[in-house]
């Protein structure tokens, strides 16, 4: 196997460089992001739209099913509605 010769030797000393101050770090960070205007944007994130067909089917599923224990360690969705139409009275 070939050894990695780039590692620091036991007797070598690496001088510790001075850490930049907080102000210097902030200026350096700002230089790395020149297009950042530091303005809050309201049009970002989740946009809520009308309910889709998938949302309607999911709501219907939750009305007709219940999440319950099937065995000691297992849970599952079980249908509870007897009729196909939810809210239909006999």
PDB file of N, CA and C in Angstrom:
ATOM      1  N   UNK A   1       0.834  -1.191   0.000  1.00  0.00           N
ATOM      2  CA  UNK A   1       0.000   0.000   0.000  1.00  0.00           C
ATOM      3  C   UNK A   1       0.871   1.244   0.000  1.00  0.00           C
ATOM      4  N   UNK A   2       0.388   2.248  -0.670  1.00  0.00           N
ATOM      5  CA  UNK A   2       1.129   3.496  -0.756  1.00  0.00           C
ATOM      6  C   UNK A   2       0.658   4.438   0.344  1.00  0.00           C
ATOM      7  N   UNK A   3       1.625   5.029   1.021  1.00  0.00           N
ATOM      8  CA  UNK A   3       1.274   5.957   2.092  1.00  0.00           C
ATOM      9  C   UNK A   3       1.002   7.340   1.530  1.00  0.00           C
ATOM     10  N   UNK A   4       0.177   8.072   2.232  1.00  0.00           N
ATOM     11  CA  UNK A   4      -0.117   9.451   1.859  1.00  0.00           C
ATOM     12  C   UNK A   4       0.971  10.347   2.444  1.00  0.00           C
ATOM     13  N   UNK A   5       1.816  10.903   1.594  1.00  0.00           N
ATOM     14  CA  UNK A   5       2.939  11.720   2.051  1.00  0.00           C
ATOM     15  C   UNK A   5       2.551  13.174   2.295  1.00  0.00           C
ATOM     16  N   UNK A   6       1.308  13.536   2.019  1.00  0.00           N
ATOM     17  CA  UNK A   6       0.886  14.921   2.182  1.00  0.00           C
ATOM     18  C   UNK A   6       0.500  15.249   3.619  1.00  0.00           C
ATOM     19  N   UNK A   7       0.395  14.254   4.468  1.00  0.00           N
ATOM     20  CA  UNK A   7       0.011  14.504   5.855  1.00  0.00           C
ATOM     21  C   UNK A   7       1.136  15.234   6.585  1.00  0.00           C
ATOM     22  N   UNK A   8       0.782  15.924   7.646  1.00  0.00           N
ATOM     23  CA  UNK A   8       1.758  16.640   8.453  1.00  0.00           C
ATOM     24  C   UNK A   8       2.618  15.629   9.196  1.00  0.00           C
ATOM     25  N   UNK A   9       3.903  15.838   9.167  1.00  0.00           N
ATOM     26  CA  UNK A   9       4.835  14.950   9.868  1.00  0.00           C
ATOM     27  C   UNK A   9       4.727  15.210  11.366  1.00  0.00           C
ATOM     28  N   UNK A  10       5.203  14.266  12.131  1.00  0.00           N
ATOM     29  CA  UNK A  10       5.101  14.356  13.585  1.00  0.00           C
ATOM     30  C   UNK A  10       5.817  15.580  14.128  1.00  0.00           C
ATOM     31  N   UNK A  11       7.002  15.885  13.630  1.00  0.00           N
ATOM     32  CA  UNK A  11       7.806  16.971  14.186  1.00  0.00           C
ATOM     33  C   UNK A  11       7.477  18.325  13.570  1.00  0.00           C
ATOM     34  N   UNK A  12       6.695  18.362  12.497  1.00  0.00           N
ATOM     35  CA  UNK A  12       6.390  19.649  11.851  1.00  0.00           C
ATOM     36  C   UNK A  12       5.370  20.422  12.672  1.00  0.00           C
ATOM     37  N   UNK A  13       5.443  21.723  12.529  1.00  0.00           N
ATOM     38  CA  UNK A  13       4.547  22.602  13.251  1.00  0.00           C
ATOM     39  C   UNK A  13       3.793  23.450  12.243  1.00  0.00           C
ATOM     40  N   UNK A  14       2.484  23.448  12.335  1.00  0.00           N
ATOM     41  CA  UNK A  14       1.683  24.295  11.464  1.00  0.00           C
ATOM     42  C   UNK A  14       1.308  25.554  12.237  1.00  0.00           C
ATOM     43  N   UNK A  15       1.688  26.722  11.747  1.00  0.00           N
ATOM     44  CA  UNK A  15       1.313  27.943  12.459  1.00  0.00           C
ATOM     45  C   UNK A  15      -0.199  28.167  12.365  1.00  0.00           C
ATOM     46  N   UNK A  16      -0.770  28.614  13.437  1.00  0.00           N
ATOM     47  CA  UNK A  16      -2.201  28.876  13.487  1.00  0.00           C
ATOM     48  C   UNK A  16      -2.456  30.251  12.882  1.00  0.00           C
ATOM     49  N   UNK A  17      -3.319  30.295  11.880  1.00  0.00           N
ATOM     50  CA  UNK A  17      -3.618  31.584  11.262  1.00  0.00           C
ATOM     51  C   UNK A  17      -4.634  32.324  12.125  1.00  0.00           C
ATOM     52  N   UNK A  18      -4.579  33.646  12.044  1.00  0.00           N
ATOM     53  CA  UNK A  18      -5.498  34.457  12.828  1.00  0.00           C
ATOM     54  C   UNK A  18      -6.896  34.354  12.257  1.00  0.00           C
ATOM     55  N   UNK A  19      -7.867  34.242  13.131  1.00  0.00           N
ATOM     56  CA  UNK A  19      -9.256  34.184  12.687  1.00  0.00           C
ATOM     57  C   UNK A  19      -9.732  35.599  12.366  1.00  0.00           C
ATOM     58  N   UNK A  20     -10.491  35.755  11.275  1.00  0.00           N
ATOM     59  CA  UNK A  20     -11.010  37.085  10.954  1.00  0.00           C
ATOM     60  C   UNK A  20     -12.081  37.499  11.959  1.00  0.00           C
ATOM     61  N   UNK A  21     -12.216  38.804  12.128  1.00  0.00           N
ATOM     62  CA  UNK A  21     -13.239  39.304  13.043  1.00  0.00           C
ATOM     63  C   UNK A  21     -14.612  39.084  12.434  1.00  0.00           C
ATOM     64  N   UNK A  22     -15.621  39.286  13.224  1.00  0.00           N
ATOM     65  CA  UNK A  22     -16.987  39.073  12.768  1.00  0.00           C
ATOM     66  C   UNK A  22     -17.353  40.035  11.635  1.00  0.00           C
ATOM     67  N   UNK A  23     -16.889  41.275  11.725  1.00  0.00           N
ATOM     68  CA  UNK A  23     -17.163  42.262  10.682  1.00  0.00           C
ATOM     69  C   UNK A  23     -16.491  41.854   9.368  1.00  0.00           C
ATOM     70  N   UNK A  24     -15.246  41.386   9.468  1.00  0.00           N
ATOM     71  CA  UNK A  24     -14.539  40.944   8.260  1.00  0.00           C
ATOM     72  C   UNK A  24     -15.225  39.735   7.630  1.00  0.00           C
ATOM     73  N   UNK A  25     -15.681  38.823   8.472  1.00  0.00           N
ATOM     74  CA  UNK A  25     -16.381  37.651   7.947  1.00  0.00           C
ATOM     75  C   UNK A  25     -17.682  38.053   7.255  1.00  0.00           C
ATOM     76  N   UNK A  26     -18.413  39.014   7.835  1.00  0.00           N
ATOM     77  CA  UNK A  26     -19.669  39.465   7.241  1.00  0.00           C
ATOM     78  C   UNK A  26     -19.412  40.134   5.890  1.00  0.00           C
ATOM     79  N   UNK A  27     -18.359  40.935   5.804  1.00  0.00           N
ATOM     80  CA  UNK A  27     -18.037  41.593   4.533  1.00  0.00           C
ATOM     81  C   UNK A  27     -17.628  40.577   3.474  1.00  0.00           C
ATOM     82  N   UNK A  28     -16.832  39.591   3.868  1.00  0.00           N
ATOM     83  CA  UNK A  28     -16.413  38.546   2.928  1.00  0.00           C
ATOM     84  C   UNK A  28     -17.617  37.739   2.446  1.00  0.00           C
ATOM     85  N   UNK A  29     -18.544  37.474   3.356  1.00  0.00           N
ATOM     86  CA  UNK A  29     -19.747  36.730   2.976  1.00  0.00           C
ATOM     87  C   UNK A  29     -20.599  37.544   2.002  1.00  0.00           C
ATOM     88  N   UNK A  30     -20.734  38.835   2.253  1.00  0.00           N
ATOM     89  CA  UNK A  30     -21.512  39.704   1.369  1.00  0.00           C
ATOM     90  C   UNK A  30     -20.881  39.766  -0.018  1.00  0.00           C
ATOM     91  N   UNK A  31     -19.558  39.744  -0.092  1.00  0.00           N
ATOM     92  CA  UNK A  31     -18.878  39.756  -1.393  1.00  0.00           C
ATOM     93  C   UNK A  31     -19.138  38.472  -2.176  1.00  0.00           C
ATOM     94  N   UNK A  32     -19.345  37.370  -1.470  1.00  0.00           N
ATOM     95  CA  UNK A  32     -19.629  36.106  -2.150  1.00  0.00           C
ATOM     96  C   UNK A  32     -21.047  36.051  -2.699  1.00  0.00           C
ATOM     97  N   UNK A  33     -21.932  36.960  -2.239  1.00  0.00           N
ATOM     98  CA  UNK A  33     -23.322  37.008  -2.691  1.00  0.00           C
ATOM     99  C   UNK A  33     -23.647  38.418  -3.201  1.00  0.00           C
ATOM    100  N   UNK A  34     -23.149  38.796  -4.371  1.00  0.00           N
ATOM    101  CA  UNK A  34     -23.307  40.176  -4.825  1.00  0.00           C
ATOM    102  C   UNK A  34     -24.745  40.538  -5.215  1.00  0.00           C
ATOM    103  N   UNK A  35     -25.565  39.575  -5.603  1.00  0.00           N
ATOM    104  CA  UNK A  35     -26.929  39.884  -6.053  1.00  0.00           C
ATOM    105  C   UNK A  35     -27.938  39.913  -4.918  1.00  0.00           C
ATOM    106  N   UNK A  36     -27.511  39.647  -3.710  1.00  0.00           N
ATOM    107  CA  UNK A  36     -28.422  39.623  -2.572  1.00  0.00           C
ATOM    108  C   UNK A  36     -28.734  41.049  -2.143  1.00  0.00           C
ATOM    109  N   UNK A  37     -30.018  41.427  -2.239  1.00  0.00           N
ATOM    110  CA  UNK A  37     -30.448  42.784  -1.869  1.00  0.00           C
ATOM    111  C   UNK A  37     -30.948  42.849  -0.433  1.00  0.00           C
ATOM    112  N   UNK A  38     -31.025  41.689   0.234  1.00  0.00           N
ATOM    113  CA  UNK A  38     -31.509  41.597   1.608  1.00  0.00           C
ATOM    114  C   UNK A  38     -32.941  42.120   1.736  1.00  0.00           C
ATOM    115  N   UNK A  39     -33.781  41.764   0.773  1.00  0.00           N
ATOM    116  CA  UNK A  39     -35.189  42.147   0.805  1.00  0.00           C
ATOM    117  C   UNK A  39     -36.029  40.898   1.004  1.00  0.00           C
ATOM    118  N   UNK A  40     -37.061  41.022   1.823  1.00  0.00           N
ATOM    119  CA  UNK A  40     -37.956  39.894   2.068  1.00  0.00           C
ATOM    120  C   UNK A  40     -38.918  39.758   0.897  1.00  0.00           C
ATOM    121  N   UNK A  41     -39.041  38.531   0.384  1.00  0.00           N
ATOM    122  CA  UNK A  41     -39.932  38.283  -0.744  1.00  0.00           C
ATOM    123  C   UNK A  41     -41.196  37.595  -0.256  1.00  0.00           C
ATOM    124  N   UNK A  42     -42.329  38.147  -0.644  1.00  0.00           N
ATOM    125  CA  UNK A  42     -43.618  37.615  -0.195  1.00  0.00           C
ATOM    126  C   UNK A  42     -44.124  36.503  -1.105  1.00  0.00           C
ATOM    127  N   UNK A  43     -43.644  36.424  -2.341  1.00  0.00           N
ATOM    128  CA  UNK A  43     -44.194  35.466  -3.297  1.00  0.00           C
ATOM    129  C   UNK A  43     -43.433  34.145  -3.286  1.00  0.00           C
ATOM    130  N   UNK A  44     -42.759  33.820  -2.220  1.00  0.00           N
ATOM    131  CA  UNK A  44     -42.026  32.563  -2.127  1.00  0.00           C
ATOM    132  C   UNK A  44     -42.796  31.591  -1.248  1.00  0.00           C
ATOM    133  N   UNK A  45     -42.445  30.325  -1.367  1.00  0.00           N
ATOM    134  CA  UNK A  45     -43.024  29.325  -0.489  1.00  0.00           C
ATOM    135  C   UNK A  45     -44.223  28.640  -1.114  1.00  0.00           C
ATOM    136  N   UNK A  46     -45.065  28.100  -0.277  1.00  0.00           N
ATOM    137  CA  UNK A  46     -46.207  27.317  -0.733  1.00  0.00           C
ATOM    138  C   UNK A  46     -47.320  28.248  -1.190  1.00  0.00           C
ATOM    139  N   UNK A  47     -47.872  27.969  -2.350  1.00  0.00           N
ATOM    140  CA  UNK A  47     -49.037  28.705  -2.820  1.00  0.00           C
ATOM    141  C   UNK A  47     -50.235  27.772  -2.726  1.00  0.00           C
ATOM    142  N   UNK A  48     -51.257  28.210  -2.015  1.00  0.00           N
ATOM    143  CA  UNK A  48     -52.444  27.391  -1.824  1.00  0.00           C
ATOM    144  C   UNK A  48     -53.414  27.681  -2.953  1.00  0.00           C
ATOM    145  N   UNK A  49     -53.825  26.642  -3.641  1.00  0.00           N
ATOM    146  CA  UNK A  49     -54.739  26.809  -4.757  1.00  0.00           C
ATOM    147  C   UNK A  49     -56.041  26.071  -4.452  1.00  0.00           C
ATOM    148  N   UNK A  50     -56.877  25.970  -5.460  1.00  0.00           N
ATOM    149  CA  UNK A  50     -58.146  25.260  -5.290  1.00  0.00           C
ATOM    150  C   UNK A  50     -57.866  23.787  -5.010  1.00  0.00           C
ATOM    151  N   UNK A  51     -58.870  23.121  -4.420  1.00  0.00           N
ATOM    152  CA  UNK A  51     -58.738  21.693  -4.152  1.00  0.00           C
ATOM    153  C   UNK A  51     -58.718  20.940  -5.471  1.00  0.00           C
ATOM    154  N   UNK A  52     -57.773  20.050  -5.597  1.00  0.00           N
ATOM    155  CA  UNK A  52     -57.678  19.233  -6.799  1.00  0.00           C
ATOM    156  C   UNK A  52     -58.525  17.979  -6.636  1.00  0.00           C
ATOM    157  N   UNK A  53     -58.620  17.222  -7.707  1.00  0.00           N
ATOM    158  CA  UNK A  53     -59.378  15.970  -7.657  1.00  0.00           C
ATOM    159  C   UNK A  53     -58.743  15.004  -6.653  1.00  0.00           C
ATOM    160  N   UNK A  54     -57.429  15.022  -6.582  1.00  0.00           N
ATOM    161  CA  UNK A  54     -56.724  14.158  -5.639  1.00  0.00           C
ATOM    162  C   UNK A  54     -57.087  14.518  -4.194  1.00  0.00           C
ATOM    163  N   UNK A  55     -57.173  15.818  -3.893  1.00  0.00           N
ATOM    164  CA  UNK A  55     -57.548  16.258  -2.553  1.00  0.00           C
ATOM    165  C   UNK A  55     -58.964  15.821  -2.211  1.00  0.00           C
ATOM    166  N   UNK A  56     -59.865  15.916  -3.182  1.00  0.00           N
ATOM    167  CA  UNK A  56     -61.255  15.503  -2.952  1.00  0.00           C
ATOM    168  C   UNK A  56     -61.344  14.009  -2.686  1.00  0.00           C
ATOM    169  N   UNK A  57     -60.590  13.208  -3.449  1.00  0.00           N
ATOM    170  CA  UNK A  57     -60.590  11.761  -3.236  1.00  0.00           C
ATOM    171  C   UNK A  57     -60.000  11.410  -1.871  1.00  0.00           C
ATOM    172  N   UNK A  58     -58.979  12.146  -1.463  1.00  0.00           N
ATOM    173  CA  UNK A  58     -58.361  11.890  -0.174  1.00  0.00           C
ATOM    174  C   UNK A  58     -59.322  12.226   0.969  1.00  0.00           C
ATOM    175  N   UNK A  59     -60.054  13.335   0.855  1.00  0.00           N
ATOM    176  CA  UNK A  59     -61.054  13.679   1.865  1.00  0.00           C
ATOM    177  C   UNK A  59     -62.132  12.603   1.954  1.00  0.00           C
ATOM    178  N   UNK A  60     -62.577  12.107   0.808  1.00  0.00           N
ATOM    179  CA  UNK A  60     -63.578  11.044   0.784  1.00  0.00           C
ATOM    180  C   UNK A  60     -63.030   9.777   1.433  1.00  0.00           C
ATOM    181  N   UNK A  61     -61.761   9.476   1.172  1.00  0.00           N
ATOM    182  CA  UNK A  61     -61.134   8.303   1.776  1.00  0.00           C
ATOM    183  C   UNK A  61     -61.131   8.425   3.292  1.00  0.00           C
ATOM    184  N   UNK A  62     -60.780   9.618   3.811  1.00  0.00           N
ATOM    185  CA  UNK A  62     -60.737   9.809   5.259  1.00  0.00           C
ATOM    186  C   UNK A  62     -62.126   9.710   5.880  1.00  0.00           C
ATOM    187  N   UNK A  63     -63.180  10.078   5.138  1.00  0.00           N
ATOM    188  CA  UNK A  63     -64.543   9.975   5.654  1.00  0.00           C
ATOM    189  C   UNK A  63     -65.002   8.528   5.719  1.00  0.00           C
ATOM    190  N   UNK A  64     -64.512   7.702   4.796  1.00  0.00           N
ATOM    191  CA  UNK A  64     -65.008   6.327   4.706  1.00  0.00           C
ATOM    192  C   UNK A  64     -64.085   5.304   5.346  1.00  0.00           C
ATOM    193  N   UNK A  65     -62.914   5.696   5.797  1.00  0.00           N
ATOM    194  CA  UNK A  65     -61.957   4.763   6.372  1.00  0.00           C
ATOM    195  C   UNK A  65     -61.455   5.269   7.720  1.00  0.00           C
ATOM    196  N   UNK A  66     -60.970   4.329   8.532  1.00  0.00           N
ATOM    197  CA  UNK A  66     -60.383   4.682   9.823  1.00  0.00           C
ATOM    198  C   UNK A  66     -59.088   3.894   9.974  1.00  0.00           C
ATOM    199  N   UNK A  67     -58.092   4.531  10.558  1.00  0.00           N
ATOM    200  CA  UNK A  67     -56.790   3.897  10.781  1.00  0.00           C
ATOM    201  C   UNK A  67     -56.836   3.248  12.154  1.00  0.00           C
ATOM    202  N   UNK A  68     -56.764   1.932  12.195  1.00  0.00           N
ATOM    203  CA  UNK A  68     -56.936   1.218  13.450  1.00  0.00           C
ATOM    204  C   UNK A  68     -56.010   0.016  13.534  1.00  0.00           C
ATOM    205  N   UNK A  69     -55.933  -0.559  14.712  1.00  0.00           N
ATOM    206  CA  UNK A  69     -55.096  -1.741  14.915  1.00  0.00           C
ATOM    207  C   UNK A  69     -55.750  -2.961  14.284  1.00  0.00           C
ATOM    208  N   UNK A  70     -54.982  -3.688  13.489  1.00  0.00           N
ATOM    209  CA  UNK A  70     -55.462  -4.914  12.870  1.00  0.00           C
ATOM    210  C   UNK A  70     -54.995  -6.109  13.691  1.00  0.00           C
ATOM    211  N   UNK A  71     -53.759  -6.056  14.151  1.00  0.00           N
ATOM    212  CA  UNK A  71     -53.233  -7.066  15.067  1.00  0.00           C
ATOM    213  C   UNK A  71     -52.466  -6.332  16.158  1.00  0.00           C
ATOM    214  N   UNK A  72     -51.725  -7.066  16.951  1.00  0.00           N
ATOM    215  CA  UNK A  72     -51.026  -6.435  18.076  1.00  0.00           C
ATOM    216  C   UNK A  72     -50.015  -5.383  17.632  1.00  0.00           C
ATOM    217  N   UNK A  73     -49.313  -5.646  16.528  1.00  0.00           N
ATOM    218  CA  UNK A  73     -48.252  -4.744  16.098  1.00  0.00           C
ATOM    219  C   UNK A  73     -48.553  -4.048  14.779  1.00  0.00           C
ATOM    220  N   UNK A  74     -49.701  -4.295  14.185  1.00  0.00           N
ATOM    221  CA  UNK A  74     -49.985  -3.795  12.848  1.00  0.00           C
ATOM    222  C   UNK A  74     -51.204  -2.879  12.863  1.00  0.00           C
ATOM    223  N   UNK A  75     -51.073  -1.762  12.154  1.00  0.00           N
ATOM    224  CA  UNK A  75     -52.208  -0.858  11.948  1.00  0.00           C
ATOM    225  C   UNK A  75     -52.507  -0.800  10.458  1.00  0.00           C
ATOM    226  N   UNK A  76     -53.753  -0.542  10.130  1.00  0.00           N
ATOM    227  CA  UNK A  76     -54.136  -0.472   8.722  1.00  0.00           C
ATOM    228  C   UNK A  76     -55.374   0.401   8.589  1.00  0.00           C
ATOM    229  N   UNK A  77     -55.655   0.817   7.352  1.00  0.00           N
ATOM    230  CA  UNK A  77     -56.860   1.576   7.049  1.00  0.00           C
ATOM    231  C   UNK A  77     -57.992   0.584   6.818  1.00  0.00           C
ATOM    232  N   UNK A  78     -59.111   0.768   7.516  1.00  0.00           N
ATOM    233  CA  UNK A  78     -60.257  -0.131   7.416  1.00  0.00           C
ATOM    234  C   UNK A  78     -61.465   0.688   6.998  1.00  0.00           C
ATOM    235  N   UNK A  79     -62.209   0.161   6.020  1.00  0.00           N
ATOM    236  CA  UNK A  79     -63.409   0.855   5.539  1.00  0.00           C
ATOM    237  C   UNK A  79     -64.521   0.715   6.565  1.00  0.00           C
ATOM    238  N   UNK A  80     -65.184   1.837   6.900  1.00  0.00           N
ATOM    239  CA  UNK A  80     -66.253   1.817   7.897  1.00  0.00           C
ATOM    240  C   UNK A  80     -67.604   2.144   7.294  1.00  0.00           C
ATOM    241  N   UNK A  81     -67.656   2.809   6.166  1.00  0.00           N
ATOM    242  CA  UNK A  81     -68.949   3.185   5.582  1.00  0.00           C
ATOM    243  C   UNK A  81     -69.566   1.976   4.895  1.00  0.00           C
ATOM    244  N   UNK A  82     -70.888   1.775   5.120  1.00  0.00           N
ATOM    245  CA  UNK A  82     -71.575   0.652   4.496  1.00  0.00           C
ATOM    246  C   UNK A  82     -72.029   0.998   3.085  1.00  0.00           C
ATOM    247  N   UNK A  83     -72.389   2.250   2.872  1.00  0.00           N
ATOM    248  CA  UNK A  83     -72.900   2.683   1.572  1.00  0.00           C
ATOM    249  C   UNK A  83     -71.763   3.270   0.741  1.00  0.00           C
ATOM    250  N   UNK A  84     -71.965   3.283  -0.583  1.00  0.00           N
ATOM    251  CA  UNK A  84     -70.963   3.885  -1.451  1.00  0.00           C
ATOM    252  C   UNK A  84     -70.950   5.396  -1.306  1.00  0.00           C
ATOM    253  N   UNK A  85     -72.118   5.987  -1.095  1.00  0.00           N
ATOM    254  CA  UNK A  85     -72.214   7.436  -0.957  1.00  0.00           C
ATOM    255  C   UNK A  85     -72.088   7.826   0.509  1.00  0.00           C
ATOM    256  N   UNK A  86     -71.237   8.773   0.803  1.00  0.00           N
ATOM    257  CA  UNK A  86     -71.078   9.258   2.167  1.00  0.00           C
ATOM    258  C   UNK A  86     -72.189  10.254   2.438  1.00  0.00           C
ATOM    259  N   UNK A  87     -72.784  10.126   3.597  1.00  0.00           N
ATOM    260  CA  UNK A  87     -73.849  11.047   3.974  1.00  0.00           C
ATOM    261  C   UNK A  87     -75.235  10.587   3.500  1.00  0.00           C
ATOM    262  N   UNK A  88     -75.324   9.469   2.850  1.00  0.00           N
ATOM    263  CA  UNK A  88     -76.606   8.966   2.383  1.00  0.00           C
ATOM    264  C   UNK A  88     -77.344   8.320   3.541  1.00  0.00           C
ATOM    265  N   UNK A  89     -78.592   8.754   3.763  1.00  0.00           N
ATOM    266  CA  UNK A  89     -79.369   8.233   4.887  1.00  0.00           C
ATOM    267  C   UNK A  89     -80.391   7.223   4.385  1.00  0.00           C
ATOM    268  N   UNK A  90     -80.657   6.222   5.198  1.00  0.00           N
ATOM    269  CA  UNK A  90     -81.643   5.189   4.811  1.00  0.00           C
ATOM    270  C   UNK A  90     -82.973   5.469   5.450  1.00  0.00           C
TER     271      UNK A  90
END
